[in-house]
Amino acid sequence: MVAADKTRSFIPLSIAVLTVSDTRVAEDDRSGDTLCERLVAAGHSLAGRAIVPDEVAAIRAQVESWTRDPAVDVVITTGGTGFTGRDVTPEAIEPLFEKRMDGFSAVFHRISYDKIGTSTLQSRATAGLANATFVFVLPGSPGACRDAWDGILAAQLDYRHRPCNFVEIMPRLDEHLRRGASIPV
């Protein structure tokens, strides 16, 4: 049974939000606003926010910088997950992943299908671990950001969520680095 364990205390996380767009600026970044509003309302803190163009180097540099910052627990990106020539967010970020989270994409598409039907196929939403930091790559629409946050991230980034959640495994995400072992490729 999925439920919140009221005997556990909420643990706030530091979450960075990156909007990937050639056209958005802070004043009209509705998707970034949606994510920031939801994460703060849930009790987390905004560790950083940026907008970068649809360019692999710019996207990768910003995400890698945040994943190397010990003050950032989670990175969420919005935008650049489609199929047009400028949609390169998965290509920029997936090479950073130590581990892919294939289930995120599957659950995201299941939730999205209920809202937009087969149009969900036009998204390449993905997630994984980079430098022992959770990274979630979302489409650029406010609706997709709401669906991902409300349907997946709000619960999985809440320590009280049962039977399990991402927060409880965070202390062990870098154990391979502490052991000095490398991940087999």
N, C-alpha and C. Protein backbone atom coordinates (compact mmCIF):
# COMPACT_ATOMS: atom_id res chain seq x y z
N MET A 1 0.84 -1.19 0.00
CA MET A 1 0.00 0.00 0.00
C MET A 1 0.87 1.24 0.00
N VAL A 2 0.58 2.17 -0.87
CA VAL A 2 1.31 3.42 -0.97
C VAL A 2 0.70 4.42 0.01
N ALA A 3 1.57 4.98 0.86
CA ALA A 3 1.09 5.95 1.84
C ALA A 3 2.26 6.73 2.40
N ALA A 4 1.94 7.80 3.09
CA ALA A 4 2.95 8.57 3.80
C ALA A 4 3.03 8.05 5.22
N ASP A 5 4.23 7.80 5.69
CA ASP A 5 4.46 7.33 7.06
C ASP A 5 4.55 8.54 7.97
N LYS A 6 3.50 8.79 8.73
CA LYS A 6 3.41 9.98 9.59
C LYS A 6 4.41 9.94 10.75
N THR A 7 5.04 8.79 11.00
CA THR A 7 6.03 8.72 12.08
C THR A 7 7.40 9.23 11.61
N ARG A 8 7.57 9.40 10.31
CA ARG A 8 8.83 9.92 9.78
C ARG A 8 8.76 11.43 9.59
N SER A 9 9.88 12.09 9.78
CA SER A 9 9.95 13.53 9.56
C SER A 9 10.28 13.81 8.10
N PHE A 10 9.76 14.91 7.60
CA PHE A 10 10.07 15.34 6.24
C PHE A 10 11.53 15.78 6.20
N ILE A 11 12.24 15.40 5.15
CA ILE A 11 13.62 15.82 4.94
C ILE A 11 13.66 16.69 3.68
N PRO A 12 13.89 17.98 3.85
CA PRO A 12 13.93 18.85 2.67
C PRO A 12 15.20 18.60 1.84
N LEU A 13 15.03 18.64 0.53
CA LEU A 13 16.14 18.47 -0.39
C LEU A 13 16.45 19.80 -1.07
N SER A 14 17.66 19.90 -1.59
CA SER A 14 18.06 21.06 -2.38
C SER A 14 17.97 20.67 -3.85
N ILE A 15 17.08 21.32 -4.58
CA ILE A 15 16.78 20.93 -5.95
C ILE A 15 17.08 22.09 -6.90
N ALA A 16 17.84 21.80 -7.95
CA ALA A 16 18.15 22.79 -8.98
C ALA A 16 17.25 22.54 -10.20
N VAL A 17 16.81 23.62 -10.83
CA VAL A 17 15.91 23.54 -11.98
C VAL A 17 16.57 24.22 -13.19
N LEU A 18 16.66 23.47 -14.27
CA LEU A 18 17.24 23.99 -15.51
C LEU A 18 16.19 23.96 -16.61
N THR A 19 15.97 25.11 -17.23
CA THR A 19 15.11 25.19 -18.40
C THR A 19 16.00 25.23 -19.64
N VAL A 20 15.71 24.35 -20.58
CA VAL A 20 16.45 24.28 -21.83
C VAL A 20 15.56 24.86 -22.92
N SER A 21 15.98 26.01 -23.47
CA SER A 21 15.15 26.67 -24.48
C SER A 21 15.96 27.73 -25.21
N ASP A 22 15.72 27.85 -26.50
CA ASP A 22 16.30 28.93 -27.29
C ASP A 22 15.48 30.21 -27.20
N THR A 23 14.26 30.11 -26.68
CA THR A 23 13.36 31.26 -26.70
C THR A 23 12.90 31.75 -25.34
N ARG A 24 12.97 30.93 -24.32
CA ARG A 24 12.46 31.32 -23.01
C ARG A 24 13.44 32.24 -22.27
N VAL A 25 12.85 33.14 -21.50
CA VAL A 25 13.60 33.99 -20.56
C VAL A 25 12.90 33.86 -19.22
N ALA A 26 13.51 34.36 -18.17
CA ALA A 26 12.96 34.19 -16.82
C ALA A 26 11.50 34.64 -16.72
N GLU A 27 11.15 35.71 -17.43
CA GLU A 27 9.79 36.27 -17.32
C GLU A 27 8.71 35.39 -17.93
N ASP A 28 9.06 34.48 -18.84
CA ASP A 28 8.03 33.64 -19.46
C ASP A 28 8.35 32.14 -19.35
N ASP A 29 9.14 31.78 -18.38
CA ASP A 29 9.51 30.38 -18.18
C ASP A 29 8.46 29.68 -17.31
N ARG A 30 7.32 29.38 -17.91
CA ARG A 30 6.20 28.79 -17.16
C ARG A 30 6.53 27.39 -16.64
N SER A 31 7.29 26.61 -17.41
CA SER A 31 7.64 25.25 -16.96
C SER A 31 8.58 25.30 -15.77
N GLY A 32 9.60 26.16 -15.86
CA GLY A 32 10.50 26.33 -14.72
C GLY A 32 9.76 26.84 -13.50
N ASP A 33 8.85 27.81 -13.72
CA ASP A 33 8.05 28.33 -12.62
C ASP A 33 7.21 27.23 -11.97
N THR A 34 6.61 26.38 -12.80
CA THR A 34 5.78 25.28 -12.29
C THR A 34 6.60 24.38 -11.37
N LEU A 35 7.78 23.99 -11.82
CA LEU A 35 8.62 23.12 -10.99
C LEU A 35 9.07 23.81 -9.71
N CYS A 36 9.51 25.06 -9.82
CA CYS A 36 9.98 25.79 -8.64
C CYS A 36 8.86 25.97 -7.61
N GLU A 37 7.69 26.35 -8.09
CA GLU A 37 6.55 26.54 -7.18
C GLU A 37 6.21 25.25 -6.46
N ARG A 38 6.20 24.13 -7.18
CA ARG A 38 5.82 22.86 -6.58
C ARG A 38 6.88 22.36 -5.60
N LEU A 39 8.13 22.48 -5.94
CA LEU A 39 9.15 21.95 -5.04
C LEU A 39 9.23 22.77 -3.75
N VAL A 40 9.07 24.08 -3.86
CA VAL A 40 9.08 24.93 -2.66
C VAL A 40 7.83 24.67 -1.82
N ALA A 41 6.67 24.54 -2.46
CA ALA A 41 5.43 24.26 -1.74
C ALA A 41 5.51 22.92 -1.01
N ALA A 42 6.28 21.98 -1.55
CA ALA A 42 6.44 20.67 -0.90
C ALA A 42 7.39 20.73 0.29
N GLY A 43 8.14 21.84 0.44
CA GLY A 43 9.05 21.99 1.56
C GLY A 43 10.52 21.86 1.22
N HIS A 44 10.83 21.68 -0.07
CA HIS A 44 12.22 21.60 -0.51
C HIS A 44 12.77 23.01 -0.75
N SER A 45 14.08 23.11 -0.97
CA SER A 45 14.65 24.42 -1.29
C SER A 45 15.16 24.43 -2.72
N LEU A 46 15.10 25.60 -3.32
CA LEU A 46 15.58 25.79 -4.68
C LEU A 46 17.08 26.07 -4.59
N ALA A 47 17.87 25.10 -5.05
CA ALA A 47 19.33 25.20 -4.97
C ALA A 47 19.91 26.05 -6.08
N GLY A 48 19.19 26.19 -7.18
CA GLY A 48 19.65 26.97 -8.31
C GLY A 48 18.64 26.91 -9.41
N ARG A 49 18.70 27.91 -10.26
CA ARG A 49 17.80 27.95 -11.41
C ARG A 49 18.53 28.63 -12.56
N ALA A 50 18.39 28.05 -13.74
CA ALA A 50 19.06 28.62 -14.91
C ALA A 50 18.26 28.31 -16.16
N ILE A 51 18.54 29.08 -17.20
CA ILE A 51 18.01 28.82 -18.54
C ILE A 51 19.21 28.78 -19.47
N VAL A 52 19.29 27.70 -20.25
CA VAL A 52 20.37 27.58 -21.24
C VAL A 52 19.75 27.27 -22.60
N PRO A 53 20.45 27.61 -23.68
CA PRO A 53 19.94 27.29 -25.02
C PRO A 53 20.01 25.79 -25.31
N ASP A 54 19.33 25.38 -26.34
CA ASP A 54 19.32 23.98 -26.78
C ASP A 54 20.66 23.64 -27.42
N GLU A 55 21.70 23.58 -26.61
CA GLU A 55 23.05 23.27 -27.07
C GLU A 55 23.66 22.26 -26.11
N VAL A 56 24.15 21.15 -26.65
CA VAL A 56 24.67 20.06 -25.83
C VAL A 56 25.69 20.57 -24.81
N ALA A 57 26.65 21.35 -25.23
CA ALA A 57 27.71 21.79 -24.32
C ALA A 57 27.17 22.62 -23.17
N ALA A 58 26.23 23.53 -23.45
CA ALA A 58 25.67 24.39 -22.41
C ALA A 58 24.84 23.59 -21.42
N ILE A 59 24.03 22.68 -21.94
CA ILE A 59 23.19 21.84 -21.07
C ILE A 59 24.07 20.97 -20.18
N ARG A 60 25.00 20.27 -20.80
CA ARG A 60 25.87 19.36 -20.06
C ARG A 60 26.69 20.10 -19.00
N ALA A 61 27.22 21.25 -19.34
CA ALA A 61 28.05 22.00 -18.39
C ALA A 61 27.24 22.40 -17.15
N GLN A 62 26.02 22.89 -17.36
CA GLN A 62 25.21 23.31 -16.21
C GLN A 62 24.82 22.13 -15.34
N VAL A 63 24.36 21.05 -15.96
CA VAL A 63 23.95 19.87 -15.18
C VAL A 63 25.16 19.27 -14.46
N GLU A 64 26.27 19.16 -15.14
CA GLU A 64 27.46 18.59 -14.50
C GLU A 64 27.93 19.46 -13.33
N SER A 65 27.87 20.76 -13.49
CA SER A 65 28.25 21.66 -12.40
C SER A 65 27.39 21.43 -11.17
N TRP A 66 26.08 21.33 -11.38
CA TRP A 66 25.19 21.10 -10.24
C TRP A 66 25.39 19.72 -9.63
N THR A 67 25.62 18.70 -10.46
CA THR A 67 25.79 17.36 -9.89
C THR A 67 27.10 17.22 -9.13
N ARG A 68 28.05 18.08 -9.39
CA ARG A 68 29.33 18.06 -8.66
C ARG A 68 29.29 18.92 -7.40
N ASP A 69 28.22 19.67 -7.23
CA ASP A 69 28.06 20.54 -6.07
C ASP A 69 27.41 19.75 -4.94
N PRO A 70 28.13 19.54 -3.82
CA PRO A 70 27.55 18.75 -2.73
C PRO A 70 26.31 19.37 -2.10
N ALA A 71 26.04 20.64 -2.39
CA ALA A 71 24.85 21.30 -1.86
C ALA A 71 23.60 21.02 -2.69
N VAL A 72 23.75 20.35 -3.83
CA VAL A 72 22.61 20.04 -4.71
C VAL A 72 22.31 18.55 -4.61
N ASP A 73 21.08 18.23 -4.23
CA ASP A 73 20.65 16.83 -4.09
C ASP A 73 20.02 16.29 -5.37
N VAL A 74 19.31 17.15 -6.11
CA VAL A 74 18.52 16.72 -7.26
C VAL A 74 18.59 17.81 -8.32
N VAL A 75 18.63 17.39 -9.58
CA VAL A 75 18.55 18.32 -10.70
C VAL A 75 17.35 17.92 -11.54
N ILE A 76 16.52 18.90 -11.88
CA ILE A 76 15.38 18.67 -12.77
C ILE A 76 15.53 19.60 -13.96
N THR A 77 15.48 19.03 -15.16
CA THR A 77 15.50 19.87 -16.36
C THR A 77 14.14 19.82 -17.03
N THR A 78 13.84 20.88 -17.77
CA THR A 78 12.61 20.93 -18.55
C THR A 78 12.94 21.49 -19.92
N GLY A 79 12.51 20.76 -20.95
CA GLY A 79 12.71 21.20 -22.31
C GLY A 79 13.74 20.39 -23.07
N GLY A 80 13.58 20.37 -24.38
CA GLY A 80 14.54 19.73 -25.26
C GLY A 80 14.46 18.23 -25.35
N THR A 81 13.29 17.65 -25.01
CA THR A 81 13.17 16.18 -25.03
C THR A 81 12.42 15.65 -26.25
N GLY A 82 12.08 16.52 -27.17
CA GLY A 82 11.31 16.09 -28.34
C GLY A 82 12.21 15.52 -29.43
N PHE A 83 11.72 15.58 -30.67
CA PHE A 83 12.42 14.97 -31.79
C PHE A 83 12.92 15.98 -32.82
N THR A 84 12.71 17.27 -32.60
CA THR A 84 13.19 18.23 -33.59
C THR A 84 14.71 18.32 -33.53
N GLY A 85 15.28 18.96 -34.51
CA GLY A 85 16.73 19.05 -34.60
C GLY A 85 17.38 19.76 -33.42
N ARG A 86 16.67 20.68 -32.77
CA ARG A 86 17.23 21.41 -31.63
C ARG A 86 16.99 20.70 -30.30
N ASP A 87 16.22 19.64 -30.26
CA ASP A 87 15.93 18.90 -29.02
C ASP A 87 17.09 17.96 -28.71
N VAL A 88 17.99 18.39 -27.82
CA VAL A 88 19.20 17.61 -27.56
C VAL A 88 19.45 17.36 -26.07
N THR A 89 18.46 17.60 -25.24
CA THR A 89 18.69 17.45 -23.80
C THR A 89 19.07 16.01 -23.41
N PRO A 90 18.37 14.97 -23.87
CA PRO A 90 18.81 13.62 -23.51
C PRO A 90 20.24 13.32 -23.99
N GLU A 91 20.58 13.78 -25.19
CA GLU A 91 21.93 13.55 -25.70
C GLU A 91 22.98 14.25 -24.84
N ALA A 92 22.62 15.41 -24.29
CA ALA A 92 23.55 16.16 -23.45
C ALA A 92 23.73 15.52 -22.09
N ILE A 93 22.66 14.98 -21.53
CA ILE A 93 22.69 14.54 -20.14
C ILE A 93 22.95 13.04 -19.97
N GLU A 94 22.39 12.22 -20.82
CA GLU A 94 22.54 10.77 -20.62
C GLU A 94 23.99 10.29 -20.54
N PRO A 95 24.94 10.89 -21.27
CA PRO A 95 26.34 10.45 -21.09
C PRO A 95 26.89 10.70 -19.68
N LEU A 96 26.25 11.57 -18.92
CA LEU A 96 26.67 11.83 -17.55
C LEU A 96 26.19 10.75 -16.58
N PHE A 97 25.18 9.98 -16.98
CA PHE A 97 24.57 9.02 -16.07
C PHE A 97 25.52 7.88 -15.73
N GLU A 98 25.64 7.64 -14.43
CA GLU A 98 26.31 6.44 -13.93
C GLU A 98 25.33 5.27 -14.00
N LYS A 99 24.07 5.59 -13.74
CA LYS A 99 23.00 4.61 -13.80
C LYS A 99 21.77 5.28 -14.38
N ARG A 100 21.10 4.57 -15.30
CA ARG A 100 19.85 5.06 -15.87
C ARG A 100 18.68 4.61 -15.00
N MET A 101 17.62 5.40 -15.02
CA MET A 101 16.41 5.08 -14.28
C MET A 101 15.30 4.85 -15.31
N ASP A 102 15.34 3.69 -15.96
CA ASP A 102 14.38 3.40 -17.02
C ASP A 102 12.93 3.45 -16.53
N GLY A 103 12.70 3.10 -15.29
CA GLY A 103 11.34 3.11 -14.75
C GLY A 103 10.73 4.50 -14.73
N PHE A 104 11.56 5.53 -14.59
CA PHE A 104 11.02 6.89 -14.58
C PHE A 104 10.32 7.18 -15.90
N SER A 105 10.99 6.90 -16.99
CA SER A 105 10.40 7.15 -18.31
C SER A 105 9.10 6.37 -18.48
N ALA A 106 9.12 5.10 -18.07
CA ALA A 106 7.93 4.26 -18.21
C ALA A 106 6.75 4.82 -17.42
N VAL A 107 7.00 5.21 -16.18
CA VAL A 107 5.91 5.74 -15.35
C VAL A 107 5.47 7.11 -15.86
N PHE A 108 6.43 7.94 -16.25
CA PHE A 108 6.07 9.25 -16.80
C PHE A 108 5.14 9.08 -18.01
N HIS A 109 5.49 8.18 -18.92
CA HIS A 109 4.67 7.98 -20.12
C HIS A 109 3.30 7.40 -19.76
N ARG A 110 3.23 6.59 -18.74
CA ARG A 110 1.93 6.04 -18.31
C ARG A 110 1.02 7.17 -17.82
N ILE A 111 1.59 8.04 -16.99
CA ILE A 111 0.82 9.18 -16.47
C ILE A 111 0.44 10.12 -17.62
N SER A 112 1.40 10.41 -18.47
CA SER A 112 1.18 11.32 -19.59
C SER A 112 0.13 10.77 -20.57
N TYR A 113 0.14 9.47 -20.79
CA TYR A 113 -0.82 8.85 -21.70
C TYR A 113 -2.26 9.13 -21.25
N ASP A 114 -2.49 9.09 -19.94
CA ASP A 114 -3.83 9.37 -19.43
C ASP A 114 -4.28 10.79 -19.72
N LYS A 115 -3.33 11.70 -19.91
CA LYS A 115 -3.67 13.11 -20.15
C LYS A 115 -3.68 13.46 -21.64
N ILE A 116 -2.68 12.97 -22.40
CA ILE A 116 -2.54 13.41 -23.79
C ILE A 116 -2.53 12.26 -24.80
N GLY A 117 -2.81 11.07 -24.34
CA GLY A 117 -2.89 9.93 -25.25
C GLY A 117 -1.55 9.60 -25.90
N THR A 118 -1.62 9.18 -27.14
CA THR A 118 -0.40 8.74 -27.82
C THR A 118 0.59 9.87 -28.09
N SER A 119 0.20 11.10 -27.90
CA SER A 119 1.14 12.21 -28.06
C SER A 119 2.31 12.11 -27.09
N THR A 120 2.16 11.31 -26.03
CA THR A 120 3.27 11.12 -25.09
C THR A 120 4.49 10.52 -25.78
N LEU A 121 4.28 9.85 -26.90
CA LEU A 121 5.40 9.26 -27.63
C LEU A 121 6.39 10.30 -28.12
N GLN A 122 5.98 11.55 -28.18
CA GLN A 122 6.86 12.61 -28.68
C GLN A 122 7.82 13.13 -27.63
N SER A 123 7.82 12.53 -26.46
CA SER A 123 8.74 12.94 -25.40
C SER A 123 9.78 11.86 -25.16
N ARG A 124 11.01 12.30 -24.93
CA ARG A 124 12.09 11.39 -24.55
C ARG A 124 12.50 11.67 -23.11
N ALA A 125 11.52 11.82 -22.23
CA ALA A 125 11.80 12.03 -20.80
C ALA A 125 12.69 10.89 -20.31
N THR A 126 13.63 11.25 -19.46
CA THR A 126 14.58 10.25 -18.96
C THR A 126 15.05 10.67 -17.58
N ALA A 127 15.77 9.79 -16.92
CA ALA A 127 16.31 10.11 -15.59
C ALA A 127 17.46 9.16 -15.29
N GLY A 128 18.25 9.56 -14.31
CA GLY A 128 19.36 8.71 -13.90
C GLY A 128 20.16 9.37 -12.79
N LEU A 129 21.28 8.74 -12.49
CA LEU A 129 22.21 9.26 -11.48
C LEU A 129 23.45 9.78 -12.17
N ALA A 130 23.87 10.98 -11.81
CA ALA A 130 25.11 11.57 -12.30
C ALA A 130 25.85 12.11 -11.08
N ASN A 131 27.06 11.65 -10.88
CA ASN A 131 27.83 12.06 -9.70
C ASN A 131 27.02 11.85 -8.42
N ALA A 132 26.33 10.71 -8.36
CA ALA A 132 25.51 10.32 -7.21
C ALA A 132 24.42 11.34 -6.91
N THR A 133 23.94 12.04 -7.95
CA THR A 133 22.87 13.02 -7.83
C THR A 133 21.74 12.59 -8.76
N PHE A 134 20.50 12.63 -8.28
CA PHE A 134 19.37 12.31 -9.12
C PHE A 134 19.17 13.41 -10.16
N VAL A 135 18.99 13.02 -11.42
CA VAL A 135 18.73 13.97 -12.51
C VAL A 135 17.49 13.50 -13.25
N PHE A 136 16.51 14.39 -13.38
CA PHE A 136 15.27 14.10 -14.07
C PHE A 136 15.14 15.04 -15.26
N VAL A 137 14.90 14.48 -16.44
CA VAL A 137 14.85 15.23 -17.69
C VAL A 137 13.40 15.22 -18.19
N LEU A 138 12.74 16.36 -18.11
CA LEU A 138 11.32 16.47 -18.41
C LEU A 138 11.07 17.25 -19.69
N PRO A 139 9.92 17.03 -20.31
CA PRO A 139 9.52 17.85 -21.46
C PRO A 139 9.35 19.31 -21.04
N GLY A 140 9.24 20.18 -22.03
CA GLY A 140 9.19 21.61 -21.78
C GLY A 140 7.82 22.22 -21.54
N SER A 141 6.79 21.43 -21.44
CA SER A 141 5.46 22.02 -21.21
C SER A 141 5.14 22.05 -19.71
N PRO A 142 4.43 23.10 -19.27
CA PRO A 142 4.03 23.14 -17.86
C PRO A 142 3.21 21.91 -17.46
N GLY A 143 2.36 21.42 -18.37
CA GLY A 143 1.56 20.23 -18.07
C GLY A 143 2.42 19.01 -17.80
N ALA A 144 3.44 18.81 -18.60
CA ALA A 144 4.34 17.68 -18.40
C ALA A 144 5.10 17.83 -17.08
N CYS A 145 5.47 19.05 -16.74
CA CYS A 145 6.17 19.28 -15.46
C CYS A 145 5.24 19.00 -14.29
N ARG A 146 3.99 19.43 -14.41
CA ARG A 146 3.00 19.13 -13.36
C ARG A 146 2.82 17.62 -13.22
N ASP A 147 2.66 16.94 -14.36
CA ASP A 147 2.45 15.49 -14.32
C ASP A 147 3.62 14.77 -13.67
N ALA A 148 4.84 15.14 -14.03
CA ALA A 148 6.02 14.49 -13.47
C ALA A 148 6.14 14.78 -11.98
N TRP A 149 5.94 16.04 -11.59
CA TRP A 149 6.07 16.37 -10.17
C TRP A 149 4.95 15.72 -9.36
N ASP A 150 3.71 15.97 -9.76
CA ASP A 150 2.57 15.48 -8.99
C ASP A 150 2.48 13.96 -9.00
N GLY A 151 2.79 13.34 -10.13
CA GLY A 151 2.60 11.90 -10.26
C GLY A 151 3.78 11.04 -9.85
N ILE A 152 4.99 11.62 -9.79
CA ILE A 152 6.17 10.82 -9.48
C ILE A 152 7.05 11.48 -8.43
N LEU A 153 7.54 12.67 -8.75
CA LEU A 153 8.59 13.28 -7.95
C LEU A 153 8.15 13.71 -6.55
N ALA A 154 6.96 14.24 -6.42
CA ALA A 154 6.50 14.67 -5.09
C ALA A 154 6.60 13.53 -4.08
N ALA A 155 6.19 12.35 -4.47
CA ALA A 155 6.24 11.20 -3.56
C ALA A 155 7.65 10.64 -3.42
N GLN A 156 8.34 10.46 -4.53
CA GLN A 156 9.66 9.83 -4.47
C GLN A 156 10.72 10.73 -3.83
N LEU A 157 10.49 12.02 -3.78
CA LEU A 157 11.43 12.93 -3.12
C LEU A 157 10.96 13.29 -1.72
N ASP A 158 10.06 12.49 -1.18
CA ASP A 158 9.54 12.68 0.19
C ASP A 158 9.92 11.46 1.02
N TYR A 159 10.73 11.68 2.02
CA TYR A 159 11.22 10.60 2.89
C TYR A 159 10.10 9.83 3.56
N ARG A 160 8.94 10.44 3.71
CA ARG A 160 7.82 9.79 4.38
C ARG A 160 7.07 8.81 3.48
N HIS A 161 7.32 8.88 2.17
CA HIS A 161 6.60 8.02 1.21
C HIS A 161 6.99 6.55 1.42
N ARG A 162 6.00 5.69 1.49
CA ARG A 162 6.23 4.26 1.69
C ARG A 162 5.61 3.49 0.55
N PRO A 163 6.10 2.38 0.11
CA PRO A 163 7.06 1.55 0.85
C PRO A 163 8.52 1.96 0.68
N CYS A 164 8.85 2.80 -0.32
CA CYS A 164 10.23 3.24 -0.47
C CYS A 164 10.25 4.57 -1.22
N ASN A 165 11.40 5.24 -1.18
CA ASN A 165 11.54 6.53 -1.84
C ASN A 165 13.01 6.78 -2.12
N PHE A 166 13.29 7.78 -2.94
CA PHE A 166 14.67 8.09 -3.29
C PHE A 166 15.46 8.66 -2.13
N VAL A 167 14.82 9.38 -1.24
CA VAL A 167 15.53 10.06 -0.16
C VAL A 167 16.23 9.06 0.75
N GLU A 168 15.58 7.95 1.05
CA GLU A 168 16.19 6.99 1.98
C GLU A 168 17.42 6.29 1.41
N ILE A 169 17.57 6.28 0.08
CA ILE A 169 18.77 5.64 -0.48
C ILE A 169 19.87 6.64 -0.82
N MET A 170 19.60 7.92 -0.68
CA MET A 170 20.59 8.93 -1.03
C MET A 170 21.93 8.76 -0.32
N PRO A 171 21.97 8.41 0.96
CA PRO A 171 23.28 8.25 1.61
C PRO A 171 24.15 7.15 0.99
N ARG A 172 23.55 6.25 0.24
CA ARG A 172 24.30 5.14 -0.34
C ARG A 172 24.59 5.29 -1.82
N LEU A 173 24.19 6.38 -2.43
CA LEU A 173 24.36 6.55 -3.87
C LEU A 173 25.82 6.60 -4.29
N ASP A 174 26.69 7.06 -3.41
CA ASP A 174 28.10 7.18 -3.79
C ASP A 174 28.98 6.11 -3.15
N GLU A 175 28.38 5.03 -2.65
CA GLU A 175 29.22 4.03 -1.96
C GLU A 175 30.27 3.40 -2.87
N HIS A 176 29.99 3.31 -4.16
CA HIS A 176 31.01 2.78 -5.08
C HIS A 176 32.20 3.74 -5.16
N LEU A 177 31.96 5.02 -5.00
CA LEU A 177 33.06 5.99 -5.02
C LEU A 177 33.85 5.94 -3.71
N ARG A 178 33.15 5.76 -2.60
CA ARG A 178 33.83 5.68 -1.30
C ARG A 178 34.66 4.42 -1.18
N ARG A 179 34.25 3.35 -1.86
CA ARG A 179 35.02 2.10 -1.85
C ARG A 179 36.22 2.17 -2.79
N GLY A 180 36.19 3.16 -3.68
CA GLY A 180 37.27 3.27 -4.67
C GLY A 180 37.07 2.34 -5.85
N ALA A 181 35.93 1.74 -5.95
CA ALA A 181 35.66 0.81 -7.06
C ALA A 181 35.07 1.58 -8.23
N SER A 182 35.28 1.10 -9.39
CA SER A 182 34.67 1.71 -10.57
C SER A 182 33.45 0.89 -10.98
N ILE A 183 32.57 1.55 -11.66
CA ILE A 183 31.38 0.87 -12.16
C ILE A 183 31.73 0.19 -13.45
N PRO A 184 31.42 -1.10 -13.56
CA PRO A 184 31.70 -1.79 -14.83
C PRO A 184 30.92 -1.15 -15.98
N VAL A 185 31.55 -1.06 -17.10
CA VAL A 185 30.91 -0.47 -18.27
C VAL A 185 30.40 -1.54 -19.19
